Amino acid sequence: MLIRHRPDLTDNDVTDRGLYLRRREFITGVAGLGLAGLGGMASAAPLAFSKGFSTTEKPTPKDDVTSYNNFYEFGVDKGDPAENAGRLKTRPWTVRVDGACEAPKTFDIDALIKANKLEERIYRLRCVEGWSMVIPWVGFPLKDLIAAVKPTSKAKFVAFETLMRPSEMTGQKWDVLQWPYREGLRIDEAVHPLTLIAVGLYGETLPNQNGAPLRLVVPWKYGFKSIKSIIRISLVERQPPTAWNLSAPREYGFYSNVNPAVDHPRWSQATERRIGEFRRRDTLAFNGYGEWVADLYRGMDLKKFY
């Protein structure tokens, strides 16, 4: 599926005026931080809108997206991240990309944003707990960042690591998980065109409680795979350890693809509760993205490799 950028876009490929204006606010705000350019977006042109991959479902209200979160670094209750994440300092911020590659590099977050063409993609998000949202993310494909460091043939997996700063991420003072938070993907999952590095949502800078200043978004997997506040990405030869798999391997597998046929040991995954809706809806295999990603798992036992 082709993801188009300007000048290939038409008026029908961008979202409504309200989202457009919020994009303009986002551009103005980051320009004030010395980020004028943002991959060529400092002009009057809107962000590129990825119509091909984006769902047409109604987005979840922004207030819900930014107030109902799992981010255990700031507390275990859904409202804790919005209440406690304001103390996190997201500038200066660097991301180290290293491992099995020819050109490892440490990227400054502002330079990284400026160097990439940002797109808006409206993705479904499915939490392993049985609730879901629809979120308009702003970001760029992870594959572009990986390509920049020239991976070698030994790069079979990609390991991710979240910031470790208990003075600001006060949840890290408690042994809820093994800190820092870690996640991982197979290399073909990481370079899939759907896999996104998000730096914003709803046309605005990514809020701290949603994973500022950059996070992973893998829409066909349960939400905990989309690691937040990333400081390091490593290309590795062996499957890396991941936070929830280390904590409870029987409940949280490495792959964690959305699968209505594989229940969590403590609840069914057959249905989900869309935030803002009363009735539960059926859970879609691969969260509805099977036409693009099912081939990645051809021949695999998705109950064994859950």
C-alpha atoms as a PDB file:
ATOM      1  CA  MET A   1       0.000   0.000   0.000  1.00  0.00           C
ATOM      2  CA  LEU A   2       1.438   3.348  -1.073  1.00  0.00           C
ATOM      3  CA  ILE A   3       1.793   6.035   1.585  1.00  0.00           C
ATOM      4  CA  ARG A   4       1.707   9.358  -0.198  1.00  0.00           C
ATOM      5  CA  HIS A   5       3.320  12.634   0.737  1.00  0.00           C
ATOM      6  CA  ARG A   6       2.887  16.093  -0.731  1.00  0.00           C
ATOM      7  CA  PRO A   7       2.708  17.034  -3.547  1.00  0.00           C
ATOM      8  CA  ASP A   8       0.840  13.805  -4.374  1.00  0.00           C
ATOM      9  CA  LEU A   9      -1.989  14.539  -1.944  1.00  0.00           C
ATOM     10  CA  THR A  10      -5.334  15.977  -3.000  1.00  0.00           C
ATOM     11  CA  ASP A  11      -7.838  17.954  -0.953  1.00  0.00           C
ATOM     12  CA  ASN A  12      -9.753  14.729  -0.302  1.00  0.00           C
ATOM     13  CA  ASP A  13      -6.746  13.162   1.407  1.00  0.00           C
ATOM     14  CA  VAL A  14      -6.531  15.572   4.308  1.00  0.00           C
ATOM     15  CA  THR A  15      -8.749  15.682   7.369  1.00  0.00           C
ATOM     16  CA  ASP A  16     -11.289  18.300   8.373  1.00  0.00           C
ATOM     17  CA  ARG A  17     -10.628  21.960   9.111  1.00  0.00           C
ATOM     18  CA  GLY A  18     -10.543  21.429  12.885  1.00  0.00           C
ATOM     19  CA  LEU A  19      -7.703  18.926  12.660  1.00  0.00           C
ATOM     20  CA  TYR A  20      -5.979  21.110  10.073  1.00  0.00           C
ATOM     21  CA  LEU A  21      -6.002  24.061  12.480  1.00  0.00           C
ATOM     22  CA  ARG A  22      -4.642  21.891  15.267  1.00  0.00           C
ATOM     23  CA  ARG A  23      -1.842  20.811  12.923  1.00  0.00           C
ATOM     24  CA  ARG A  24      -1.058  24.482  12.348  1.00  0.00           C
ATOM     25  CA  GLU A  25      -0.854  24.991  16.125  1.00  0.00           C
ATOM     26  CA  PHE A  26       1.478  21.997  16.343  1.00  0.00           C
ATOM     27  CA  ILE A  27       3.732  23.377  13.613  1.00  0.00           C
ATOM     28  CA  THR A  28       3.755  26.832  15.192  1.00  0.00           C
ATOM     29  CA  GLY A  29       4.595  25.385  18.594  1.00  0.00           C
ATOM     30  CA  VAL A  30       7.516  23.304  17.462  1.00  0.00           C
ATOM     31  CA  ALA A  31       8.777  26.123  15.262  1.00  0.00           C
ATOM     32  CA  GLY A  32       9.050  28.136  18.453  1.00  0.00           C
ATOM     33  CA  LEU A  33      11.418  25.469  19.737  1.00  0.00           C
ATOM     34  CA  GLY A  34      13.723  26.022  16.784  1.00  0.00           C
ATOM     35  CA  LEU A  35      12.176  23.254  14.697  1.00  0.00           C
ATOM     36  CA  ALA A  36      11.071  25.325  11.724  1.00  0.00           C
ATOM     37  CA  GLY A  37      11.093  22.977   8.770  1.00  0.00           C
ATOM     38  CA  LEU A  38       9.802  19.756  10.284  1.00  0.00           C
ATOM     39  CA  GLY A  39      10.553  17.870   7.119  1.00  0.00           C
ATOM     40  CA  GLY A  40       9.344  20.742   4.969  1.00  0.00           C
ATOM     41  CA  MET A  41       6.144  21.458   6.879  1.00  0.00           C
ATOM     42  CA  ALA A  42       6.823  24.973   8.134  1.00  0.00           C
ATOM     43  CA  SER A  43       4.980  26.378   5.124  1.00  0.00           C
ATOM     44  CA  ALA A  44       1.202  26.626   4.953  1.00  0.00           C
ATOM     45  CA  ALA A  45       0.898  23.023   3.741  1.00  0.00           C
ATOM     46  CA  PRO A  46      -0.892  20.579   6.073  1.00  0.00           C
ATOM     47  CA  LEU A  47       0.716  17.390   7.311  1.00  0.00           C
ATOM     48  CA  ALA A  48       0.599  14.505   4.885  1.00  0.00           C
ATOM     49  CA  PHE A  49      -2.413  12.348   5.726  1.00  0.00           C
ATOM     50  CA  SER A  50      -1.892   8.628   5.236  1.00  0.00           C
ATOM     51  CA  LYS A  51      -5.267   7.706   3.815  1.00  0.00           C
ATOM     52  CA  GLY A  52      -4.198   4.212   2.768  1.00  0.00           C
ATOM     53  CA  PHE A  53      -3.383   2.884   6.231  1.00  0.00           C
ATOM     54  CA  SER A  54      -5.710   5.101   8.268  1.00  0.00           C
ATOM     55  CA  THR A  55      -9.033   3.840   9.562  1.00  0.00           C
ATOM     56  CA  THR A  56     -12.196   5.754   8.751  1.00  0.00           C
ATOM     57  CA  GLU A  57     -13.579   5.083  12.236  1.00  0.00           C
ATOM     58  CA  LYS A  58     -14.414   8.050  14.437  1.00  0.00           C
ATOM     59  CA  PRO A  59     -11.412   9.077  16.555  1.00  0.00           C
ATOM     60  CA  THR A  60     -11.669   8.819  20.317  1.00  0.00           C
ATOM     61  CA  PRO A  61     -12.070  12.273  21.913  1.00  0.00           C
ATOM     62  CA  LYS A  62      -8.731  13.868  22.672  1.00  0.00           C
ATOM     63  CA  ASP A  63      -9.614  14.331  26.348  1.00  0.00           C
ATOM     64  CA  ASP A  64     -10.065  10.560  26.698  1.00  0.00           C
ATOM     65  CA  VAL A  65      -6.879   9.773  24.783  1.00  0.00           C
ATOM     66  CA  THR A  66      -4.837  12.026  27.051  1.00  0.00           C
ATOM     67  CA  SER A  67      -6.468  11.156  30.375  1.00  0.00           C
ATOM     68  CA  TYR A  68      -7.009   7.373  30.214  1.00  0.00           C
ATOM     69  CA  ASN A  69      -3.564   5.807  29.949  1.00  0.00           C
ATOM     70  CA  ASN A  70      -1.341   2.950  30.997  1.00  0.00           C
ATOM     71  CA  PHE A  71       2.122   4.333  31.727  1.00  0.00           C
ATOM     72  CA  TYR A  72       3.332   2.599  34.871  1.00  0.00           C
ATOM     73  CA  GLU A  73       6.340   4.867  35.153  1.00  0.00           C
ATOM     74  CA  PHE A  74       3.861   7.440  36.475  1.00  0.00           C
ATOM     75  CA  GLY A  75       1.499   5.157  38.409  1.00  0.00           C
ATOM     76  CA  VAL A  76      -0.698   2.114  37.940  1.00  0.00           C
ATOM     77  CA  ASP A  77      -4.113   3.815  37.747  1.00  0.00           C
ATOM     78  CA  LYS A  78      -5.455   5.136  34.446  1.00  0.00           C
ATOM     79  CA  GLY A  79      -5.495   8.753  35.612  1.00  0.00           C
ATOM     80  CA  ASP A  80      -2.016   8.697  37.169  1.00  0.00           C
ATOM     81  CA  PRO A  81      -0.026   9.464  33.986  1.00  0.00           C
ATOM     82  CA  ALA A  82      -2.021  12.621  33.210  1.00  0.00           C
ATOM     83  CA  GLU A  83      -1.653  13.733  36.824  1.00  0.00           C
ATOM     84  CA  ASN A  84       2.014  12.886  37.313  1.00  0.00           C
ATOM     85  CA  ALA A  85       3.750  13.052  33.921  1.00  0.00           C
ATOM     86  CA  GLY A  86       4.034  16.833  33.843  1.00  0.00           C
ATOM     87  CA  ARG A  87       7.276  16.670  35.788  1.00  0.00           C
ATOM     88  CA  LEU A  88       9.021  14.741  32.995  1.00  0.00           C
ATOM     89  CA  LYS A  89      11.547  16.902  31.137  1.00  0.00           C
ATOM     90  CA  THR A  90      11.549  16.014  27.439  1.00  0.00           C
ATOM     91  CA  ARG A  91      14.234  18.499  26.344  1.00  0.00           C
ATOM     92  CA  PRO A  92      17.067  17.921  25.853  1.00  0.00           C
ATOM     93  CA  TRP A  93      16.416  14.356  24.617  1.00  0.00           C
ATOM     94  CA  THR A  94      18.444  11.959  22.526  1.00  0.00           C
ATOM     95  CA  VAL A  95      17.780   8.537  21.061  1.00  0.00           C
ATOM     96  CA  ARG A  96      20.654   6.111  20.563  1.00  0.00           C
ATOM     97  CA  VAL A  97      20.279   3.685  17.633  1.00  0.00           C
ATOM     98  CA  ASP A  98      22.996   1.041  17.657  1.00  0.00           C
ATOM     99  CA  GLY A  99      23.809  -2.655  17.556  1.00  0.00           C
ATOM    100  CA  ALA A 100      24.045  -4.669  14.343  1.00  0.00           C
ATOM    101  CA  CYS A 101      24.437  -1.725  11.997  1.00  0.00           C
ATOM    102  CA  GLU A 102      27.168   0.051  10.058  1.00  0.00           C
ATOM    103  CA  ALA A 103      26.386   3.587  11.178  1.00  0.00           C
ATOM    104  CA  PRO A 104      25.225   3.719  14.824  1.00  0.00           C
ATOM    105  CA  LYS A 105      24.163   7.188  15.841  1.00  0.00           C
ATOM    106  CA  THR A 106      22.732   9.254  18.659  1.00  0.00           C
ATOM    107  CA  PHE A 107      19.878  11.417  17.367  1.00  0.00           C
ATOM    108  CA  ASP A 108      18.744  14.665  18.948  1.00  0.00           C
ATOM    109  CA  ILE A 109      14.943  14.586  19.110  1.00  0.00           C
ATOM    110  CA  ASP A 110      14.441  17.978  17.497  1.00  0.00           C
ATOM    111  CA  ALA A 111      16.842  17.198  14.657  1.00  0.00           C
ATOM    112  CA  LEU A 112      15.138  13.830  14.191  1.00  0.00           C
ATOM    113  CA  ILE A 113      11.703  15.444  13.879  1.00  0.00           C
ATOM    114  CA  LYS A 114      13.027  18.040  11.454  1.00  0.00           C
ATOM    115  CA  ALA A 115      14.721  15.412   9.280  1.00  0.00           C
ATOM    116  CA  ASN A 116      11.629  13.247   8.730  1.00  0.00           C
ATOM    117  CA  LYS A 117       8.407  13.774   6.789  1.00  0.00           C
ATOM    118  CA  LEU A 118       5.656  13.686   9.388  1.00  0.00           C
ATOM    119  CA  GLU A 119       2.361  12.045   8.537  1.00  0.00           C
ATOM    120  CA  GLU A 120      -0.960  11.794  10.302  1.00  0.00           C
ATOM    121  CA  ARG A 121      -2.202   8.218  10.627  1.00  0.00           C
ATOM    122  CA  ILE A 122      -5.460   7.327  12.329  1.00  0.00           C
ATOM    123  CA  TYR A 123      -4.899   3.939  13.958  1.00  0.00           C
ATOM    124  CA  ARG A 124      -6.950   1.679  16.171  1.00  0.00           C
ATOM    125  CA  LEU A 125      -5.347   0.973  19.563  1.00  0.00           C
ATOM    126  CA  ARG A 126      -6.303  -2.233  21.390  1.00  0.00           C
ATOM    127  CA  CYS A 127      -5.204  -2.690  25.011  1.00  0.00           C
ATOM    128  CA  VAL A 128      -4.584  -6.206  26.314  1.00  0.00           C
ATOM    129  CA  GLU A 129      -6.997  -5.306  29.136  1.00  0.00           C
ATOM    130  CA  GLY A 130      -9.926  -5.333  26.702  1.00  0.00           C
ATOM    131  CA  TRP A 131     -10.485  -1.657  25.898  1.00  0.00           C
ATOM    132  CA  SER A 132      -9.716   0.216  22.700  1.00  0.00           C
ATOM    133  CA  MET A 133      -9.392   3.675  21.146  1.00  0.00           C
ATOM    134  CA  VAL A 134      -8.940   5.299  17.727  1.00  0.00           C
ATOM    135  CA  ILE A 135      -6.077   7.805  17.720  1.00  0.00           C
ATOM    136  CA  PRO A 136      -4.808  10.265  15.078  1.00  0.00           C
ATOM    137  CA  TRP A 137      -1.037   9.941  15.515  1.00  0.00           C
ATOM    138  CA  VAL A 138       1.609  12.215  14.007  1.00  0.00           C
ATOM    139  CA  GLY A 139       4.905  10.540  13.176  1.00  0.00           C
ATOM    140  CA  PHE A 140       7.115   8.784  10.660  1.00  0.00           C
ATOM    141  CA  PRO A 141       7.809   5.125   9.780  1.00  0.00           C
ATOM    142  CA  LEU A 142      10.302   3.368  12.041  1.00  0.00           C
ATOM    143  CA  LYS A 143      11.814   1.790   8.952  1.00  0.00           C
ATOM    144  CA  ASP A 144      13.227   5.173   7.931  1.00  0.00           C
ATOM    145  CA  LEU A 145      15.116   5.509  11.213  1.00  0.00           C
ATOM    146  CA  ILE A 146      16.440   1.955  10.962  1.00  0.00           C
ATOM    147  CA  ALA A 147      17.562   2.501   7.378  1.00  0.00           C
ATOM    148  CA  ALA A 148      19.536   5.568   8.467  1.00  0.00           C
ATOM    149  CA  VAL A 149      21.916   3.410  10.542  1.00  0.00           C
ATOM    150  CA  LYS A 150      22.407   0.775   7.811  1.00  0.00           C
ATOM    151  CA  PRO A 151      21.508  -2.526   9.526  1.00  0.00           C
ATOM    152  CA  THR A 152      23.627  -5.595   8.867  1.00  0.00           C
ATOM    153  CA  SER A 153      22.467  -9.143   8.191  1.00  0.00           C
ATOM    154  CA  LYS A 154      22.819  -9.896  11.914  1.00  0.00           C
ATOM    155  CA  ALA A 155      19.910  -7.576  12.721  1.00  0.00           C
ATOM    156  CA  LYS A 156      17.147 -10.117  13.372  1.00  0.00           C
ATOM    157  CA  PHE A 157      15.310  -8.240  16.122  1.00  0.00           C
ATOM    158  CA  VAL A 158      14.948  -4.682  17.399  1.00  0.00           C
ATOM    159  CA  ALA A 159      15.146  -3.895  21.125  1.00  0.00           C
ATOM    160  CA  PHE A 160      13.685  -0.720  22.646  1.00  0.00           C
ATOM    161  CA  GLU A 161      14.322   0.939  25.998  1.00  0.00           C
ATOM    162  CA  THR A 162      12.438   3.643  27.900  1.00  0.00           C
ATOM    163  CA  LEU A 163      14.030   6.444  29.894  1.00  0.00           C
ATOM    164  CA  MET A 164      15.028   5.524  33.470  1.00  0.00           C
ATOM    165  CA  ARG A 165      14.651   8.615  35.652  1.00  0.00           C
ATOM    166  CA  PRO A 166      12.892   7.849  38.974  1.00  0.00           C
ATOM    167  CA  SER A 167      13.156  11.470  40.118  1.00  0.00           C
ATOM    168  CA  GLU A 168      10.641  12.388  37.415  1.00  0.00           C
ATOM    169  CA  MET A 169       9.094   9.016  36.560  1.00  0.00           C
ATOM    170  CA  THR A 170       8.211   8.281  40.157  1.00  0.00           C
ATOM    171  CA  GLY A 171       6.527   4.955  39.396  1.00  0.00           C
ATOM    172  CA  GLN A 172      10.008   3.556  38.777  1.00  0.00           C
ATOM    173  CA  LYS A 173      10.611   3.735  42.526  1.00  0.00           C
ATOM    174  CA  TRP A 174       8.300   0.750  42.926  1.00  0.00           C
ATOM    175  CA  ASP A 175       9.002  -2.820  41.793  1.00  0.00           C
ATOM    176  CA  VAL A 176       5.896  -3.080  39.628  1.00  0.00           C
ATOM    177  CA  LEU A 177       8.052  -4.099  36.641  1.00  0.00           C
ATOM    178  CA  GLN A 178      11.740  -4.578  35.950  1.00  0.00           C
ATOM    179  CA  TRP A 179      12.883  -1.060  35.057  1.00  0.00           C
ATOM    180  CA  PRO A 180      13.700   0.414  32.650  1.00  0.00           C
ATOM    181  CA  TYR A 181      10.769  -0.666  30.509  1.00  0.00           C
ATOM    182  CA  ARG A 182      11.910  -2.734  27.517  1.00  0.00           C
ATOM    183  CA  GLU A 183      10.175  -3.978  24.392  1.00  0.00           C
ATOM    184  CA  GLY A 184      11.115  -5.736  21.183  1.00  0.00           C
ATOM    185  CA  LEU A 185      10.045  -6.606  17.664  1.00  0.00           C
ATOM    186  CA  ARG A 186      11.254  -8.936  14.980  1.00  0.00           C
ATOM    187  CA  ILE A 187      13.112  -6.947  12.319  1.00  0.00           C
ATOM    188  CA  ASP A 188      10.438  -7.549   9.679  1.00  0.00           C
ATOM    189  CA  GLU A 189       7.794  -6.223  12.084  1.00  0.00           C
ATOM    190  CA  ALA A 190       9.928  -3.182  12.844  1.00  0.00           C
ATOM    191  CA  VAL A 191      10.438  -2.227   9.192  1.00  0.00           C
ATOM    192  CA  HIS A 192       6.839  -2.893   8.200  1.00  0.00           C
ATOM    193  CA  PRO A 193       5.290   0.303   6.755  1.00  0.00           C
ATOM    194  CA  LEU A 194       2.580   0.317   9.451  1.00  0.00           C
ATOM    195  CA  THR A 195       5.074   0.569  12.321  1.00  0.00           C
ATOM    196  CA  LEU A 196       5.281   4.186  13.393  1.00  0.00           C
ATOM    197  CA  ILE A 197       7.442   6.422  15.547  1.00  0.00           C
ATOM    198  CA  ALA A 198       4.913   8.919  16.929  1.00  0.00           C
ATOM    199  CA  VAL A 199       5.866  12.438  18.041  1.00  0.00           C
ATOM    200  CA  GLY A 200       2.350  13.864  18.242  1.00  0.00           C
ATOM    201  CA  LEU A 201      -1.354  13.144  18.334  1.00  0.00           C
ATOM    202  CA  TYR A 202      -4.408  15.071  17.225  1.00  0.00           C
ATOM    203  CA  GLY A 203      -2.097  17.387  15.299  1.00  0.00           C
ATOM    204  CA  GLU A 204      -0.323  18.505  18.467  1.00  0.00           C
ATOM    205  CA  THR A 205       2.917  17.709  20.264  1.00  0.00           C
ATOM    206  CA  LEU A 206       2.797  14.309  21.993  1.00  0.00           C
ATOM    207  CA  PRO A 207       1.737  14.779  25.646  1.00  0.00           C
ATOM    208  CA  ASN A 208       4.008  13.384  28.341  1.00  0.00           C
ATOM    209  CA  GLN A 209       1.367  10.922  29.512  1.00  0.00           C
ATOM    210  CA  ASN A 210       1.143   9.476  25.992  1.00  0.00           C
ATOM    211  CA  GLY A 211       4.868   8.818  25.679  1.00  0.00           C
ATOM    212  CA  ALA A 212       6.614  12.110  24.895  1.00  0.00           C
ATOM    213  CA  PRO A 213       8.746  13.001  23.170  1.00  0.00           C
ATOM    214  CA  LEU A 214       8.587   9.886  20.980  1.00  0.00           C
ATOM    215  CA  ARG A 215       7.000   6.476  21.211  1.00  0.00           C
ATOM    216  CA  LEU A 216       6.438   3.369  19.145  1.00  0.00           C
ATOM    217  CA  VAL A 217       3.030   2.578  17.618  1.00  0.00           C
ATOM    218  CA  VAL A 218       2.465  -0.991  16.363  1.00  0.00           C
ATOM    219  CA  PRO A 219      -1.274  -1.022  15.646  1.00  0.00           C
ATOM    220  CA  TRP A 220      -1.787  -4.770  15.142  1.00  0.00           C
ATOM    221  CA  LYS A 221      -0.343  -5.640  18.564  1.00  0.00           C
ATOM    222  CA  TYR A 222      -1.647  -5.039  22.067  1.00  0.00           C
ATOM    223  CA  GLY A 223      -0.876  -1.559  23.304  1.00  0.00           C
ATOM    224  CA  PHE A 224       1.879  -2.451  25.766  1.00  0.00           C
ATOM    225  CA  LYS A 225       4.113  -3.362  22.814  1.00  0.00           C
ATOM    226  CA  SER A 226       4.078   0.305  21.754  1.00  0.00           C
ATOM    227  CA  ILE A 227       6.807   1.450  24.138  1.00  0.00           C
ATOM    228  CA  LYS A 228       6.853   5.082  25.277  1.00  0.00           C
ATOM    229  CA  SER A 229       9.523   7.748  25.933  1.00  0.00           C
ATOM    230  CA  ILE A 230      12.216   5.849  24.010  1.00  0.00           C
ATOM    231  CA  ILE A 231      15.910   6.580  24.591  1.00  0.00           C
ATOM    232  CA  ARG A 232      17.528   3.593  22.880  1.00  0.00           C
ATOM    233  CA  ILE A 233      16.853   1.333  19.898  1.00  0.00           C
ATOM    234  CA  SER A 234      19.223  -1.582  19.324  1.00  0.00           C
ATOM    235  CA  LEU A 235      19.431  -3.960  16.383  1.00  0.00           C
ATOM    236  CA  VAL A 236      20.207  -7.389  17.800  1.00  0.00           C
ATOM    237  CA  GLU A 237      20.664 -10.981  16.674  1.00  0.00           C
ATOM    238  CA  ARG A 238      18.568 -12.702  19.375  1.00  0.00           C
ATOM    239  CA  GLN A 239      15.073 -12.113  20.673  1.00  0.00           C
ATOM    240  CA  PRO A 240      15.357  -9.404  23.347  1.00  0.00           C
ATOM    241  CA  PRO A 241      13.736  -9.561  26.796  1.00  0.00           C
ATOM    242  CA  THR A 242      10.597  -7.467  27.207  1.00  0.00           C
ATOM    243  CA  ALA A 243       9.083  -5.978  30.349  1.00  0.00           C
ATOM    244  CA  TRP A 244       5.726  -7.734  30.560  1.00  0.00           C
ATOM    245  CA  ASN A 245       7.051 -11.029  29.237  1.00  0.00           C
ATOM    246  CA  LEU A 246       9.673 -10.988  32.007  1.00  0.00           C
ATOM    247  CA  SER A 247       7.046 -10.118  34.598  1.00  0.00           C
ATOM    248  CA  ALA A 248       4.373 -12.655  33.590  1.00  0.00           C
ATOM    249  CA  PRO A 249       5.447 -14.863  30.648  1.00  0.00           C
ATOM    250  CA  ARG A 250       2.294 -17.006  30.844  1.00  0.00           C
ATOM    251  CA  GLU A 251       0.120 -13.938  30.324  1.00  0.00           C
ATOM    252  CA  TYR A 252       2.176 -11.730  27.979  1.00  0.00           C
ATOM    253  CA  GLY A 253       4.030 -13.260  25.070  1.00  0.00           C
ATOM    254  CA  PHE A 254       6.748 -11.703  22.949  1.00  0.00           C
ATOM    255  CA  TYR A 255       4.524 -11.273  19.891  1.00  0.00           C
ATOM    256  CA  SER A 256       1.275 -10.170  21.573  1.00  0.00           C
ATOM    257  CA  ASN A 257      -0.618  -9.796  18.314  1.00  0.00           C
ATOM    258  CA  VAL A 258      -4.268  -8.905  18.830  1.00  0.00           C
ATOM    259  CA  ASN A 259      -6.013 -12.277  18.603  1.00  0.00           C
ATOM    260  CA  PRO A 260      -9.661 -12.782  19.634  1.00  0.00           C
ATOM    261  CA  ALA A 261      -9.117 -16.556  19.593  1.00  0.00           C
ATOM    262  CA  VAL A 262      -6.425 -16.487  22.293  1.00  0.00           C
ATOM    263  CA  ASP A 263      -7.752 -15.415  25.671  1.00  0.00           C
ATOM    264  CA  HIS A 264      -5.727 -13.823  28.395  1.00  0.00           C
ATOM    265  CA  PRO A 265      -5.557 -16.324  31.280  1.00  0.00           C
ATOM    266  CA  ARG A 266      -7.823 -14.035  33.314  1.00  0.00           C
ATOM    267  CA  TRP A 267     -10.276 -12.696  30.699  1.00  0.00           C
ATOM    268  CA  SER A 268     -11.610 -13.193  27.184  1.00  0.00           C
ATOM    269  CA  GLN A 269     -10.150 -11.319  24.244  1.00  0.00           C
ATOM    270  CA  ALA A 270     -13.137 -12.011  21.989  1.00  0.00           C
ATOM    271  CA  THR A 271     -14.679  -8.565  22.557  1.00  0.00           C
ATOM    272  CA  GLU A 272     -13.501  -5.101  23.541  1.00  0.00           C
ATOM    273  CA  ARG A 273     -14.872  -1.892  25.015  1.00  0.00           C
ATOM    274  CA  ARG A 274     -14.281   1.132  22.793  1.00  0.00           C
ATOM    275  CA  ILE A 275     -13.729   4.102  25.088  1.00  0.00           C
ATOM    276  CA  GLY A 276     -16.762   6.387  24.764  1.00  0.00           C
ATOM    277  CA  GLU A 277     -19.119   3.584  23.697  1.00  0.00           C
ATOM    278  CA  PHE A 278     -21.605   1.633  25.813  1.00  0.00           C
ATOM    279  CA  ARG A 279     -21.801  -1.689  23.956  1.00  0.00           C
ATOM    280  CA  ARG A 280     -18.853  -4.006  23.535  1.00  0.00           C
ATOM    281  CA  ARG A 281     -17.714  -4.818  20.005  1.00  0.00           C
ATOM    282  CA  ASP A 282     -16.031  -7.869  18.482  1.00  0.00           C
ATOM    283  CA  THR A 283     -12.246  -7.877  18.572  1.00  0.00           C
ATOM    284  CA  LEU A 284     -10.665  -8.035  15.105  1.00  0.00           C
ATOM    285  CA  ALA A 285      -7.749 -10.359  14.380  1.00  0.00           C
ATOM    286  CA  PHE A 286      -4.557  -8.301  14.183  1.00  0.00           C
ATOM    287  CA  ASN A 287      -6.766  -5.403  15.322  1.00  0.00           C
ATOM    288  CA  GLY A 288      -8.152  -5.204  11.795  1.00  0.00           C
ATOM    289  CA  TYR A 289      -4.766  -4.918  10.059  1.00  0.00           C
ATOM    290  CA  GLY A 290      -4.524  -8.536   8.937  1.00  0.00           C
ATOM    291  CA  GLU A 291      -4.550  -7.754   5.220  1.00  0.00           C
ATOM    292  CA  TRP A 292      -1.198  -5.997   5.690  1.00  0.00           C
ATOM    293  CA  VAL A 293       0.497  -8.073   8.404  1.00  0.00           C
ATOM    294  CA  ALA A 294      -0.893 -11.617   8.458  1.00  0.00           C
ATOM    295  CA  ASP A 295       1.764 -12.798   6.014  1.00  0.00           C
ATOM    296  CA  LEU A 296       4.452 -11.950   8.577  1.00  0.00           C
ATOM    297  CA  TYR A 297       3.239 -14.931  10.601  1.00  0.00           C
ATOM    298  CA  ARG A 298       2.474 -17.421   7.859  1.00  0.00           C
ATOM    299  CA  GLY A 299       3.029 -20.959   9.161  1.00  0.00           C
ATOM    300  CA  MET A 300       3.374 -19.856  12.799  1.00  0.00           C
ATOM    301  CA  ASP A 301       1.249 -21.277  15.595  1.00  0.00           C
ATOM    302  CA  LEU A 302      -0.208 -18.023  16.935  1.00  0.00           C
ATOM    303  CA  LYS A 303      -1.486 -19.748  20.084  1.00  0.00           C
ATOM    304  CA  LYS A 304       1.969 -21.029  20.949  1.00  0.00           C
ATOM    305  CA  PHE A 305       3.667 -17.806  19.826  1.00  0.00           C
ATOM    306  CA  TYR A 306       1.128 -15.510  21.428  1.00  0.00           C
END
